[in-house]
N, C-alpha and C. Protein backbone atom coordinates (compact mmCIF):
# COMPACT_ATOMS: atom_id res chain seq x y z
N MET A 1 15.32 -9.20 -2.44
CA MET A 1 13.90 -8.69 -2.38
C MET A 1 13.11 -9.22 -2.82
N LYS A 2 12.12 -9.51 -1.74
CA LYS A 2 11.03 -10.01 -2.27
C LYS A 2 9.94 -8.87 -3.15
N VAL A 3 9.52 -8.76 -4.04
CA VAL A 3 8.15 -8.07 -4.44
C VAL A 3 6.75 -8.91 -4.85
N VAL A 4 5.90 -8.67 -4.18
CA VAL A 4 4.28 -9.40 -4.11
C VAL A 4 3.82 -8.45 -4.96
N ILE A 5 2.94 -9.16 -5.82
CA ILE A 5 1.92 -8.10 -6.52
C ILE A 5 0.46 -8.17 -5.87
N ALA A 6 -0.20 -7.52 -5.71
CA ALA A 6 -1.47 -7.53 -5.01
C ALA A 6 -2.24 -7.73 -5.55
N ASN A 7 -2.62 -9.32 -6.03
CA ASN A 7 -3.66 -10.00 -6.30
C ASN A 7 -4.52 -10.51 -5.57
N ASN A 8 -3.57 -10.76 -4.39
CA ASN A 8 -4.41 -11.55 -2.83
C ASN A 8 -3.43 -10.24 -1.96
N THR A 9 -4.47 -9.23 -1.75
CA THR A 9 -4.23 -8.13 -0.98
C THR A 9 -4.34 -8.58 0.60
N ASP A 10 -4.63 -9.42 0.70
CA ASP A 10 -4.58 -9.66 2.25
C ASP A 10 -3.23 -10.29 2.49
N GLU A 11 -2.93 -11.29 1.70
CA GLU A 11 -1.47 -11.68 2.04
C GLU A 11 -0.44 -10.85 1.70
N VAL A 12 -0.76 -9.77 1.07
CA VAL A 12 0.52 -8.83 0.59
C VAL A 12 0.29 -7.71 1.38
N ARG A 13 -0.66 -7.29 2.07
CA ARG A 13 -0.53 -6.36 3.56
C ARG A 13 -0.06 -7.03 4.82
N LYS A 14 0.46 -8.51 4.51
CA LYS A 14 1.21 -8.87 5.87
C LYS A 14 2.61 -9.10 5.97
N ILE A 15 3.32 -8.58 4.52
CA ILE A 15 4.30 -8.58 4.22
C ILE A 15 4.80 -7.22 4.88
N SER A 16 5.18 -7.16 5.51
CA SER A 16 5.54 -5.72 6.35
C SER A 16 6.28 -6.14 7.89
N PHE A 17 7.34 -4.86 8.06
CA PHE A 17 8.13 -5.51 9.20
C PHE A 17 7.02 -4.67 10.66
N GLN A 18 6.16 -4.31 10.21
CA GLN A 18 5.53 -3.77 11.29
C GLN A 18 4.07 -4.10 11.01
N GLY A 19 3.38 -2.90 11.12
CA GLY A 19 1.59 -3.44 11.10
C GLY A 19 1.14 -3.27 9.64
N ASP A 20 0.09 -4.05 9.19
CA ASP A 20 -0.33 -4.36 7.83
C ASP A 20 -0.25 -3.15 6.90
N PHE A 21 -0.21 -3.00 5.92
CA PHE A 21 -0.50 -1.63 4.80
C PHE A 21 -1.51 -1.82 4.76
N PRO A 22 -2.68 -0.75 4.49
CA PRO A 22 -3.72 -0.61 4.10
C PRO A 22 -4.37 -0.83 2.26
N HIS A 23 -5.51 -1.11 2.14
CA HIS A 23 -6.01 -1.58 1.47
C HIS A 23 -5.76 -0.35 0.37
N VAL A 24 -5.95 0.93 0.94
CA VAL A 24 -6.12 1.67 -0.08
C VAL A 24 -5.52 3.26 1.29
N THR A 25 -4.89 4.47 0.36
CA THR A 25 -4.55 5.66 1.03
C THR A 25 -4.77 6.72 -0.11
N LYS A 26 -4.52 7.87 1.00
CA LYS A 26 -4.55 9.20 0.17
C LYS A 26 -3.79 9.20 -0.62
N CYS A 27 -4.16 9.63 -1.86
CA CYS A 27 -2.55 9.99 -2.94
C CYS A 27 -2.09 11.29 -2.65
N CYS A 28 -0.48 11.05 -2.36
CA CYS A 28 0.00 12.28 -2.11
C CYS A 28 0.19 13.50 -2.97
N ARG A 29 -0.56 13.33 -3.89
CA ARG A 29 -0.50 14.23 -5.09
C ARG A 29 -1.93 15.11 -5.24
N CYS A 30 -2.85 14.20 -5.49
CA CYS A 30 -4.19 15.06 -5.87
C CYS A 30 -5.18 14.71 -4.27
N GLY A 31 -4.97 13.57 -3.73
CA GLY A 31 -5.55 13.69 -2.34
C GLY A 31 -6.92 12.68 -2.82
N GLY A 32 -6.68 12.16 -4.33
CA GLY A 32 -7.74 10.86 -4.43
C GLY A 32 -7.76 9.55 -3.55
N GLN A 33 -8.05 8.50 -3.84
CA GLN A 33 -8.09 7.77 -3.48
C GLN A 33 -7.07 6.65 -4.43
N ALA A 34 -5.99 6.29 -3.41
CA ALA A 34 -4.76 5.37 -4.42
C ALA A 34 -4.87 3.97 -3.52
N ARG A 35 -4.74 2.95 -4.83
CA ARG A 35 -5.27 1.85 -4.61
C ARG A 35 -3.87 0.60 -4.38
N LEU A 36 -3.82 -0.63 -3.69
CA LEU A 36 -2.60 -1.05 -3.29
C LEU A 36 -2.07 -2.10 -4.73
N GLY A 37 -1.08 -1.62 -5.16
CA GLY A 37 -0.54 -1.98 -6.68
C GLY A 37 0.65 -3.62 -5.87
N PHE A 38 1.40 -3.05 -5.36
CA PHE A 38 2.07 -4.10 -4.79
C PHE A 38 3.17 -3.80 -3.35
N VAL A 39 3.81 -4.49 -2.89
CA VAL A 39 4.86 -4.15 -1.75
C VAL A 39 6.22 -5.09 -2.16
N ALA A 40 7.25 -4.34 -2.31
CA ALA A 40 8.59 -4.84 -2.09
C ALA A 40 9.28 -5.08 -0.40
N HIS A 41 9.15 -6.00 -0.23
CA HIS A 41 9.95 -6.35 1.12
C HIS A 41 11.53 -7.08 1.03
N GLU A 42 12.04 -6.24 1.70
CA GLU A 42 13.69 -5.74 1.49
C GLU A 42 14.38 -7.22 2.77
N MET A 43 14.33 -8.41 2.38
CA MET A 43 14.69 -9.11 2.98
C MET A 43 16.43 -10.16 2.48
N ASP A 44 17.20 -10.39 2.87
CA ASP A 44 18.42 -10.49 2.46
C ASP A 44 18.92 -11.61 3.23
N GLU A 45 19.60 -12.85 2.46
CA GLU A 45 19.51 -13.84 3.72
C GLU A 45 20.58 -13.51 4.30
N LYS A 46 21.67 -12.52 4.06
CA LYS A 46 22.68 -11.99 5.19
C LYS A 46 22.22 -10.96 5.61
N SER A 47 22.46 -10.55 6.80
CA SER A 47 22.64 -9.10 7.81
C SER A 47 23.16 -7.99 6.71
N SER A 48 23.36 -7.14 7.53
CA SER A 48 24.26 -6.27 6.80
C SER A 48 25.47 -6.59 7.21
N GLN A 49 25.82 -6.49 8.55
CA GLN A 49 26.72 -6.97 9.01
C GLN A 49 27.57 -7.96 8.42
N GLU A 50 26.74 -9.07 7.59
CA GLU A 50 27.62 -10.14 6.88
C GLU A 50 27.54 -9.86 5.76
N GLY A 51 27.22 -8.78 5.49
CA GLY A 51 27.40 -8.40 3.75
C GLY A 51 26.36 -8.12 3.07
N GLY A 52 25.03 -8.31 3.49
CA GLY A 52 23.85 -8.27 2.89
C GLY A 52 23.80 -7.26 2.56
N GLU A 53 22.87 -6.78 1.26
CA GLU A 53 22.76 -5.54 0.56
C GLU A 53 21.27 -4.78 0.74
N TYR A 54 21.24 -3.58 1.52
CA TYR A 54 19.99 -3.06 1.74
C TYR A 54 19.93 -1.23 1.32
N VAL A 55 18.58 -1.18 1.41
CA VAL A 55 18.38 -0.03 1.29
C VAL A 55 18.95 1.19 2.27
N CYS A 56 19.03 0.81 3.22
CA CYS A 56 19.62 1.53 4.34
C CYS A 56 21.17 1.68 3.97
N GLY A 57 21.98 0.92 3.11
CA GLY A 57 23.39 1.18 3.15
C GLY A 57 23.32 2.30 1.80
N VAL A 58 22.44 2.33 1.28
CA VAL A 58 22.79 3.33 -0.06
C VAL A 58 23.30 4.48 0.28
N TRP A 59 22.64 5.60 0.97
CA TRP A 59 23.10 6.51 1.67
C TRP A 59 23.75 6.41 3.16
N ASP A 60 24.67 7.41 3.70
CA ASP A 60 24.70 7.46 5.36
C ASP A 60 24.00 8.15 5.75
N ASN A 61 23.82 7.55 6.99
CA ASN A 61 22.27 8.01 7.98
C ASN A 61 22.91 8.67 9.43
N ALA A 62 24.40 8.41 9.51
CA ALA A 62 25.02 8.96 10.75
C ALA A 62 25.05 10.25 11.12
N ASP A 63 25.04 11.44 9.92
CA ASP A 63 25.06 12.84 10.71
C ASP A 63 24.06 13.53 9.55
N GLN A 64 22.74 13.20 10.35
CA GLN A 64 21.29 14.10 9.72
C GLN A 64 21.48 15.37 9.40
N LYS A 65 22.06 16.09 10.21
CA LYS A 65 22.16 17.73 10.25
C LYS A 65 23.45 17.99 8.49
N LYS A 66 23.97 16.86 8.59
CA LYS A 66 24.91 16.88 7.16
C LYS A 66 24.24 16.31 6.19
N GLU A 67 24.20 15.02 6.24
CA GLU A 67 23.24 14.39 5.04
C GLU A 67 22.11 14.25 4.93
N GLY A 68 21.34 14.64 5.88
CA GLY A 68 19.80 14.47 5.91
C GLY A 68 19.16 13.34 6.03
N LEU A 69 17.55 13.03 6.41
CA LEU A 69 17.40 11.72 7.11
C LEU A 69 17.64 10.77 5.68
N TRP A 70 17.91 9.57 6.57
CA TRP A 70 17.95 8.17 5.66
C TRP A 70 17.41 6.74 6.41
N LEU A 71 17.11 5.69 5.73
CA LEU A 71 16.48 4.50 6.44
C LEU A 71 17.82 4.04 7.37
N HIS A 72 17.30 3.49 8.56
CA HIS A 72 18.84 2.78 9.52
C HIS A 72 18.00 1.58 9.48
N ASP A 73 17.10 0.68 8.77
CA ASP A 73 17.09 -0.15 8.92
C ASP A 73 16.33 -1.27 7.72
N ALA A 74 16.31 -2.47 7.55
CA ALA A 74 15.72 -2.90 6.39
C ALA A 74 14.16 -2.63 6.00
N CYS A 75 13.62 -2.00 4.77
CA CYS A 75 12.72 -1.79 4.86
C CYS A 75 11.52 -2.36 4.13
N THR A 76 10.21 -2.33 3.90
CA THR A 76 9.07 -2.67 3.19
C THR A 76 7.98 -1.49 2.47
N VAL A 77 8.10 -1.87 1.29
CA VAL A 77 7.62 -0.67 1.19
C VAL A 77 6.37 -0.98 0.12
N ALA A 78 5.49 -0.31 0.27
CA ALA A 78 3.97 -0.44 -0.27
C ALA A 78 3.37 0.48 -1.30
N VAL A 79 3.47 0.28 -2.61
CA VAL A 79 3.42 1.15 -4.12
C VAL A 79 1.78 1.14 -3.97
N TYR A 80 1.02 2.43 -4.10
CA TYR A 80 -0.34 2.67 -4.53
C TYR A 80 -0.25 3.47 -5.48
N PHE A 81 -1.55 3.19 -6.44
CA PHE A 81 -1.91 4.01 -7.70
C PHE A 81 -3.39 4.45 -7.49
N CYS A 82 -3.21 6.39 -7.67
CA CYS A 82 -4.40 6.70 -7.54
C CYS A 82 -5.64 6.27 -8.50
N LYS A 83 -6.46 6.09 -7.98
CA LYS A 83 -7.62 5.66 -9.34
C LYS A 83 -8.11 7.14 -9.61
N GLU A 84 -7.68 8.13 -9.54
CA GLU A 84 -7.75 9.58 -9.96
C GLU A 84 -7.25 10.15 -10.86
N CYS A 85 -5.57 10.39 -10.58
CA CYS A 85 -4.87 10.58 -11.66
C CYS A 85 -3.71 9.79 -11.87
N LEU A 86 -3.43 8.74 -11.17
CA LEU A 86 -2.83 7.25 -11.74
C LEU A 86 -1.18 7.67 -11.16
N GLU A 87 -1.06 8.32 -10.58
CA GLU A 87 0.21 8.49 -10.07
C GLU A 87 0.47 7.99 -8.88
N THR A 88 1.70 7.84 -8.13
CA THR A 88 2.05 6.84 -7.31
C THR A 88 2.39 7.36 -6.22
N THR A 89 1.81 6.75 -4.74
CA THR A 89 2.07 6.75 -3.69
C THR A 89 2.77 6.14 -2.95
N ALA A 90 3.78 5.82 -1.86
CA ALA A 90 4.26 4.97 -1.22
C ALA A 90 4.23 4.91 -0.07
N LEU A 91 4.00 3.76 0.80
CA LEU A 91 3.88 4.27 2.33
C LEU A 91 5.46 2.80 2.53
N TYR A 92 6.02 3.20 3.50
CA TYR A 92 6.98 2.14 4.07
C TYR A 92 7.22 2.11 5.50
N ASN A 93 7.43 0.89 5.91
CA ASN A 93 8.12 1.12 7.58
C ASN A 93 9.29 0.36 7.33
N GLN A 94 10.26 0.08 8.33
CA GLN A 94 11.72 -0.30 8.76
C GLN A 94 11.04 -1.44 9.51
N ALA A 95 12.30 -2.54 9.60
CA ALA A 95 12.47 -3.56 10.77
C ALA A 95 12.74 -2.84 12.33
């Protein structure tokens, strides 16, 4: 897994399987402004079929009614810190 600190937010925002992560987002706790702190990009040299370890393999996602929702592929997670309450908010996407 690659973790990149947001000291160069333009580069950090590009570490995504889908669209760029925003510089700021709404805090999920107080509604304030949460600023990008770091991005964790899950990328193993091996695929999951070849024995690579990914978050999607931590919990079973085959039976959503029984097990609930879980990731189905490699993920990238952006972690934000709120400037009002300093709690964390996370955005993610999957490969």
